Amino acid sequence: MLKTVGLIFAFAVISFFHLRPLVHERRLREIVIFSICMLVITALSAYKLNGGALPNPLELIAFLMKPISKILI
């Protein structure tokens, strides 16, 4: 649990320094995209840190491409 809190603190510090200029320049799109990316990265990192196994993205690509390859061949 302490590792997760440290991870969230580290990502919060990184976000603070990256978001400050964006807020100053009022770049709403960049703020939203950066925030979503950081939330996803933080969640995946916390999951992995607590012993979770992350799925292989190549398996998803193979699953999606299999029906398409059957149609084309």
N, C-alpha and C. Protein backbone atom coordinates (compact mmCIF):
# COMPACT_ATOMS: atom_id res chain seq x y z
N MET A 1 0.82 -1.19 0.00
CA MET A 1 0.00 0.00 0.00
C MET A 1 0.86 1.26 0.00
N LEU A 2 1.96 1.21 0.73
CA LEU A 2 2.84 2.37 0.80
C LEU A 2 3.49 2.64 -0.57
N LYS A 3 3.77 1.55 -1.32
CA LYS A 3 4.34 1.73 -2.65
C LYS A 3 3.35 2.45 -3.57
N THR A 4 2.08 2.10 -3.45
CA THR A 4 1.06 2.72 -4.28
C THR A 4 0.91 4.20 -3.96
N VAL A 5 0.95 4.53 -2.68
CA VAL A 5 0.86 5.93 -2.28
C VAL A 5 2.07 6.70 -2.82
N GLY A 6 3.25 6.11 -2.73
CA GLY A 6 4.45 6.75 -3.27
C GLY A 6 4.36 6.94 -4.77
N LEU A 7 3.81 5.94 -5.46
CA LEU A 7 3.64 6.04 -6.91
C LEU A 7 2.69 7.17 -7.27
N ILE A 8 1.57 7.24 -6.58
CA ILE A 8 0.60 8.30 -6.84
C ILE A 8 1.21 9.67 -6.53
N PHE A 9 1.98 9.76 -5.46
CA PHE A 9 2.64 11.02 -5.13
C PHE A 9 3.63 11.42 -6.22
N ALA A 10 4.40 10.46 -6.71
CA ALA A 10 5.38 10.75 -7.77
C ALA A 10 4.68 11.23 -9.04
N PHE A 11 3.60 10.57 -9.43
CA PHE A 11 2.87 11.00 -10.62
C PHE A 11 2.20 12.35 -10.40
N ALA A 12 1.78 12.64 -9.17
CA ALA A 12 1.17 13.94 -8.87
C ALA A 12 2.21 15.05 -9.01
N VAL A 13 3.41 14.82 -8.55
CA VAL A 13 4.47 15.82 -8.68
C VAL A 13 4.82 16.05 -10.15
N ILE A 14 4.94 14.97 -10.90
CA ILE A 14 5.23 15.09 -12.33
C ILE A 14 4.12 15.86 -13.04
N SER A 15 2.87 15.52 -12.72
CA SER A 15 1.74 16.20 -13.34
C SER A 15 1.71 17.68 -12.99
N PHE A 16 2.04 17.99 -11.75
CA PHE A 16 2.04 19.39 -11.32
C PHE A 16 2.99 20.22 -12.18
N PHE A 17 4.19 19.71 -12.39
CA PHE A 17 5.17 20.49 -13.16
C PHE A 17 4.85 20.52 -14.66
N HIS A 18 4.18 19.50 -15.16
CA HIS A 18 3.82 19.51 -16.58
C HIS A 18 2.55 20.30 -16.85
N LEU A 19 1.64 20.32 -15.89
CA LEU A 19 0.36 20.99 -16.12
C LEU A 19 0.42 22.50 -15.86
N ARG A 20 1.36 22.94 -15.05
CA ARG A 20 1.45 24.36 -14.73
C ARG A 20 1.54 25.25 -15.96
N PRO A 21 2.46 24.98 -16.91
CA PRO A 21 2.50 25.85 -18.11
C PRO A 21 1.26 25.71 -18.98
N LEU A 22 0.68 24.52 -19.00
CA LEU A 22 -0.52 24.33 -19.82
C LEU A 22 -1.70 25.12 -19.27
N VAL A 23 -1.82 25.15 -17.96
CA VAL A 23 -2.90 25.93 -17.34
C VAL A 23 -2.66 27.42 -17.56
N HIS A 24 -1.41 27.82 -17.46
CA HIS A 24 -1.07 29.24 -17.66
C HIS A 24 -1.40 29.68 -19.08
N GLU A 25 -1.17 28.80 -20.06
CA GLU A 25 -1.46 29.12 -21.46
C GLU A 25 -2.90 28.78 -21.85
N ARG A 26 -3.67 28.22 -20.93
CA ARG A 26 -5.08 27.85 -21.13
C ARG A 26 -5.27 26.88 -22.29
N ARG A 27 -4.47 25.85 -22.33
CA ARG A 27 -4.56 24.83 -23.37
C ARG A 27 -5.40 23.67 -22.84
N LEU A 28 -6.71 23.80 -23.00
CA LEU A 28 -7.65 22.86 -22.41
C LEU A 28 -7.53 21.46 -23.01
N ARG A 29 -7.38 21.36 -24.32
CA ARG A 29 -7.27 20.05 -24.96
C ARG A 29 -6.05 19.28 -24.46
N GLU A 30 -4.92 19.96 -24.38
CA GLU A 30 -3.71 19.31 -23.92
C GLU A 30 -3.82 18.89 -22.45
N ILE A 31 -4.49 19.71 -21.65
CA ILE A 31 -4.69 19.38 -20.24
C ILE A 31 -5.53 18.13 -20.10
N VAL A 32 -6.61 18.04 -20.88
CA VAL A 32 -7.50 16.88 -20.81
C VAL A 32 -6.77 15.62 -21.27
N ILE A 33 -6.09 15.68 -22.39
CA ILE A 33 -5.39 14.51 -22.91
C ILE A 33 -4.27 14.08 -21.98
N PHE A 34 -3.50 15.03 -21.46
CA PHE A 34 -2.43 14.71 -20.54
C PHE A 34 -2.99 14.07 -19.27
N SER A 35 -4.09 14.60 -18.76
CA SER A 35 -4.69 14.06 -17.53
C SER A 35 -5.20 12.64 -17.74
N ILE A 36 -5.84 12.40 -18.87
CA ILE A 36 -6.35 11.04 -19.15
C ILE A 36 -5.19 10.07 -19.27
N CYS A 37 -4.15 10.46 -19.99
CA CYS A 37 -2.98 9.58 -20.14
C CYS A 37 -2.32 9.29 -18.79
N MET A 38 -2.17 10.31 -17.96
CA MET A 38 -1.55 10.11 -16.65
C MET A 38 -2.42 9.23 -15.75
N LEU A 39 -3.74 9.36 -15.83
CA LEU A 39 -4.61 8.51 -15.03
C LEU A 39 -4.50 7.04 -15.45
N VAL A 40 -4.47 6.81 -16.76
CA VAL A 40 -4.33 5.44 -17.26
C VAL A 40 -2.97 4.86 -16.87
N ILE A 41 -1.92 5.63 -17.04
CA ILE A 41 -0.58 5.17 -16.70
C ILE A 41 -0.47 4.91 -15.20
N THR A 42 -1.04 5.79 -14.39
CA THR A 42 -1.00 5.59 -12.94
C THR A 42 -1.75 4.34 -12.53
N ALA A 43 -2.93 4.13 -13.11
CA ALA A 43 -3.72 2.95 -12.77
C ALA A 43 -3.01 1.66 -13.17
N LEU A 44 -2.45 1.63 -14.37
CA LEU A 44 -1.73 0.44 -14.82
C LEU A 44 -0.47 0.19 -13.98
N SER A 45 0.22 1.26 -13.63
CA SER A 45 1.43 1.12 -12.81
C SER A 45 1.09 0.62 -11.41
N ALA A 46 0.02 1.13 -10.84
CA ALA A 46 -0.40 0.68 -9.50
C ALA A 46 -0.83 -0.78 -9.54
N TYR A 47 -1.54 -1.17 -10.59
CA TYR A 47 -1.97 -2.56 -10.75
C TYR A 47 -0.76 -3.48 -10.86
N LYS A 48 0.20 -3.11 -11.67
CA LYS A 48 1.42 -3.90 -11.85
C LYS A 48 2.24 -3.93 -10.56
N LEU A 49 2.31 -2.82 -9.86
CA LEU A 49 3.07 -2.73 -8.63
C LEU A 49 2.49 -3.63 -7.54
N ASN A 50 1.19 -3.84 -7.56
CA ASN A 50 0.53 -4.68 -6.56
C ASN A 50 0.44 -6.14 -6.98
N GLY A 51 1.18 -6.54 -8.00
CA GLY A 51 1.26 -7.94 -8.38
C GLY A 51 0.35 -8.37 -9.50
N GLY A 52 -0.31 -7.46 -10.14
CA GLY A 52 -1.19 -7.81 -11.25
C GLY A 52 -0.41 -8.08 -12.52
N ALA A 53 -0.98 -8.91 -13.37
CA ALA A 53 -0.34 -9.22 -14.65
C ALA A 53 -1.04 -8.43 -15.75
N LEU A 54 -0.27 -7.62 -16.43
CA LEU A 54 -0.83 -6.82 -17.52
C LEU A 54 -0.97 -7.67 -18.77
N PRO A 55 -2.07 -7.50 -19.51
CA PRO A 55 -2.24 -8.29 -20.73
C PRO A 55 -1.29 -7.86 -21.83
N ASN A 56 -0.99 -8.79 -22.70
CA ASN A 56 -0.11 -8.53 -23.84
C ASN A 56 -0.92 -7.85 -24.94
N PRO A 57 -0.54 -6.67 -25.41
CA PRO A 57 -1.32 -6.00 -26.44
C PRO A 57 -1.30 -6.73 -27.79
N LEU A 58 -0.30 -7.55 -28.02
CA LEU A 58 -0.25 -8.29 -29.28
C LEU A 58 -1.37 -9.33 -29.37
N GLU A 59 -1.79 -9.86 -28.22
CA GLU A 59 -2.90 -10.81 -28.23
C GLU A 59 -4.20 -10.13 -28.66
N LEU A 60 -4.40 -8.89 -28.24
CA LEU A 60 -5.58 -8.14 -28.66
C LEU A 60 -5.54 -7.86 -30.16
N ILE A 61 -4.39 -7.50 -30.67
CA ILE A 61 -4.25 -7.23 -32.10
C ILE A 61 -4.51 -8.50 -32.90
N ALA A 62 -3.98 -9.62 -32.45
CA ALA A 62 -4.21 -10.90 -33.14
C ALA A 62 -5.69 -11.26 -33.11
N PHE A 63 -6.35 -11.03 -31.98
CA PHE A 63 -7.78 -11.33 -31.85
C PHE A 63 -8.60 -10.48 -32.81
N LEU A 64 -8.24 -9.21 -32.96
CA LEU A 64 -8.97 -8.32 -33.85
C LEU A 64 -8.68 -8.58 -35.33
N MET A 65 -7.47 -9.02 -35.63
CA MET A 65 -7.08 -9.22 -37.02
C MET A 65 -7.51 -10.58 -37.57
N LYS A 66 -7.79 -11.54 -36.72
CA LYS A 66 -8.14 -12.88 -37.17
C LYS A 66 -9.38 -12.89 -38.07
N PRO A 67 -10.49 -12.27 -37.68
CA PRO A 67 -11.66 -12.27 -38.58
C PRO A 67 -11.40 -11.50 -39.88
N ILE A 68 -10.62 -10.44 -39.80
CA ILE A 68 -10.32 -9.65 -40.99
C ILE A 68 -9.46 -10.46 -41.97
N SER A 69 -8.51 -11.22 -41.44
CA SER A 69 -7.67 -12.03 -42.33
C SER A 69 -8.47 -13.15 -42.98
N LYS A 70 -9.47 -13.69 -42.28
CA LYS A 70 -10.32 -14.72 -42.88
C LYS A 70 -11.14 -14.17 -44.03
N ILE A 71 -11.58 -12.93 -43.89
CA ILE A 71 -12.37 -12.29 -44.95
C ILE A 71 -11.50 -12.02 -46.17
N LEU A 72 -10.28 -11.56 -45.95
CA LEU A 72 -9.41 -11.19 -47.04
C LEU A 72 -8.82 -12.40 -47.77
N ILE A 73 -8.67 -13.51 -47.08
CA ILE A 73 -8.04 -14.68 -47.71
C ILE A 73 -9.07 -15.58 -48.27
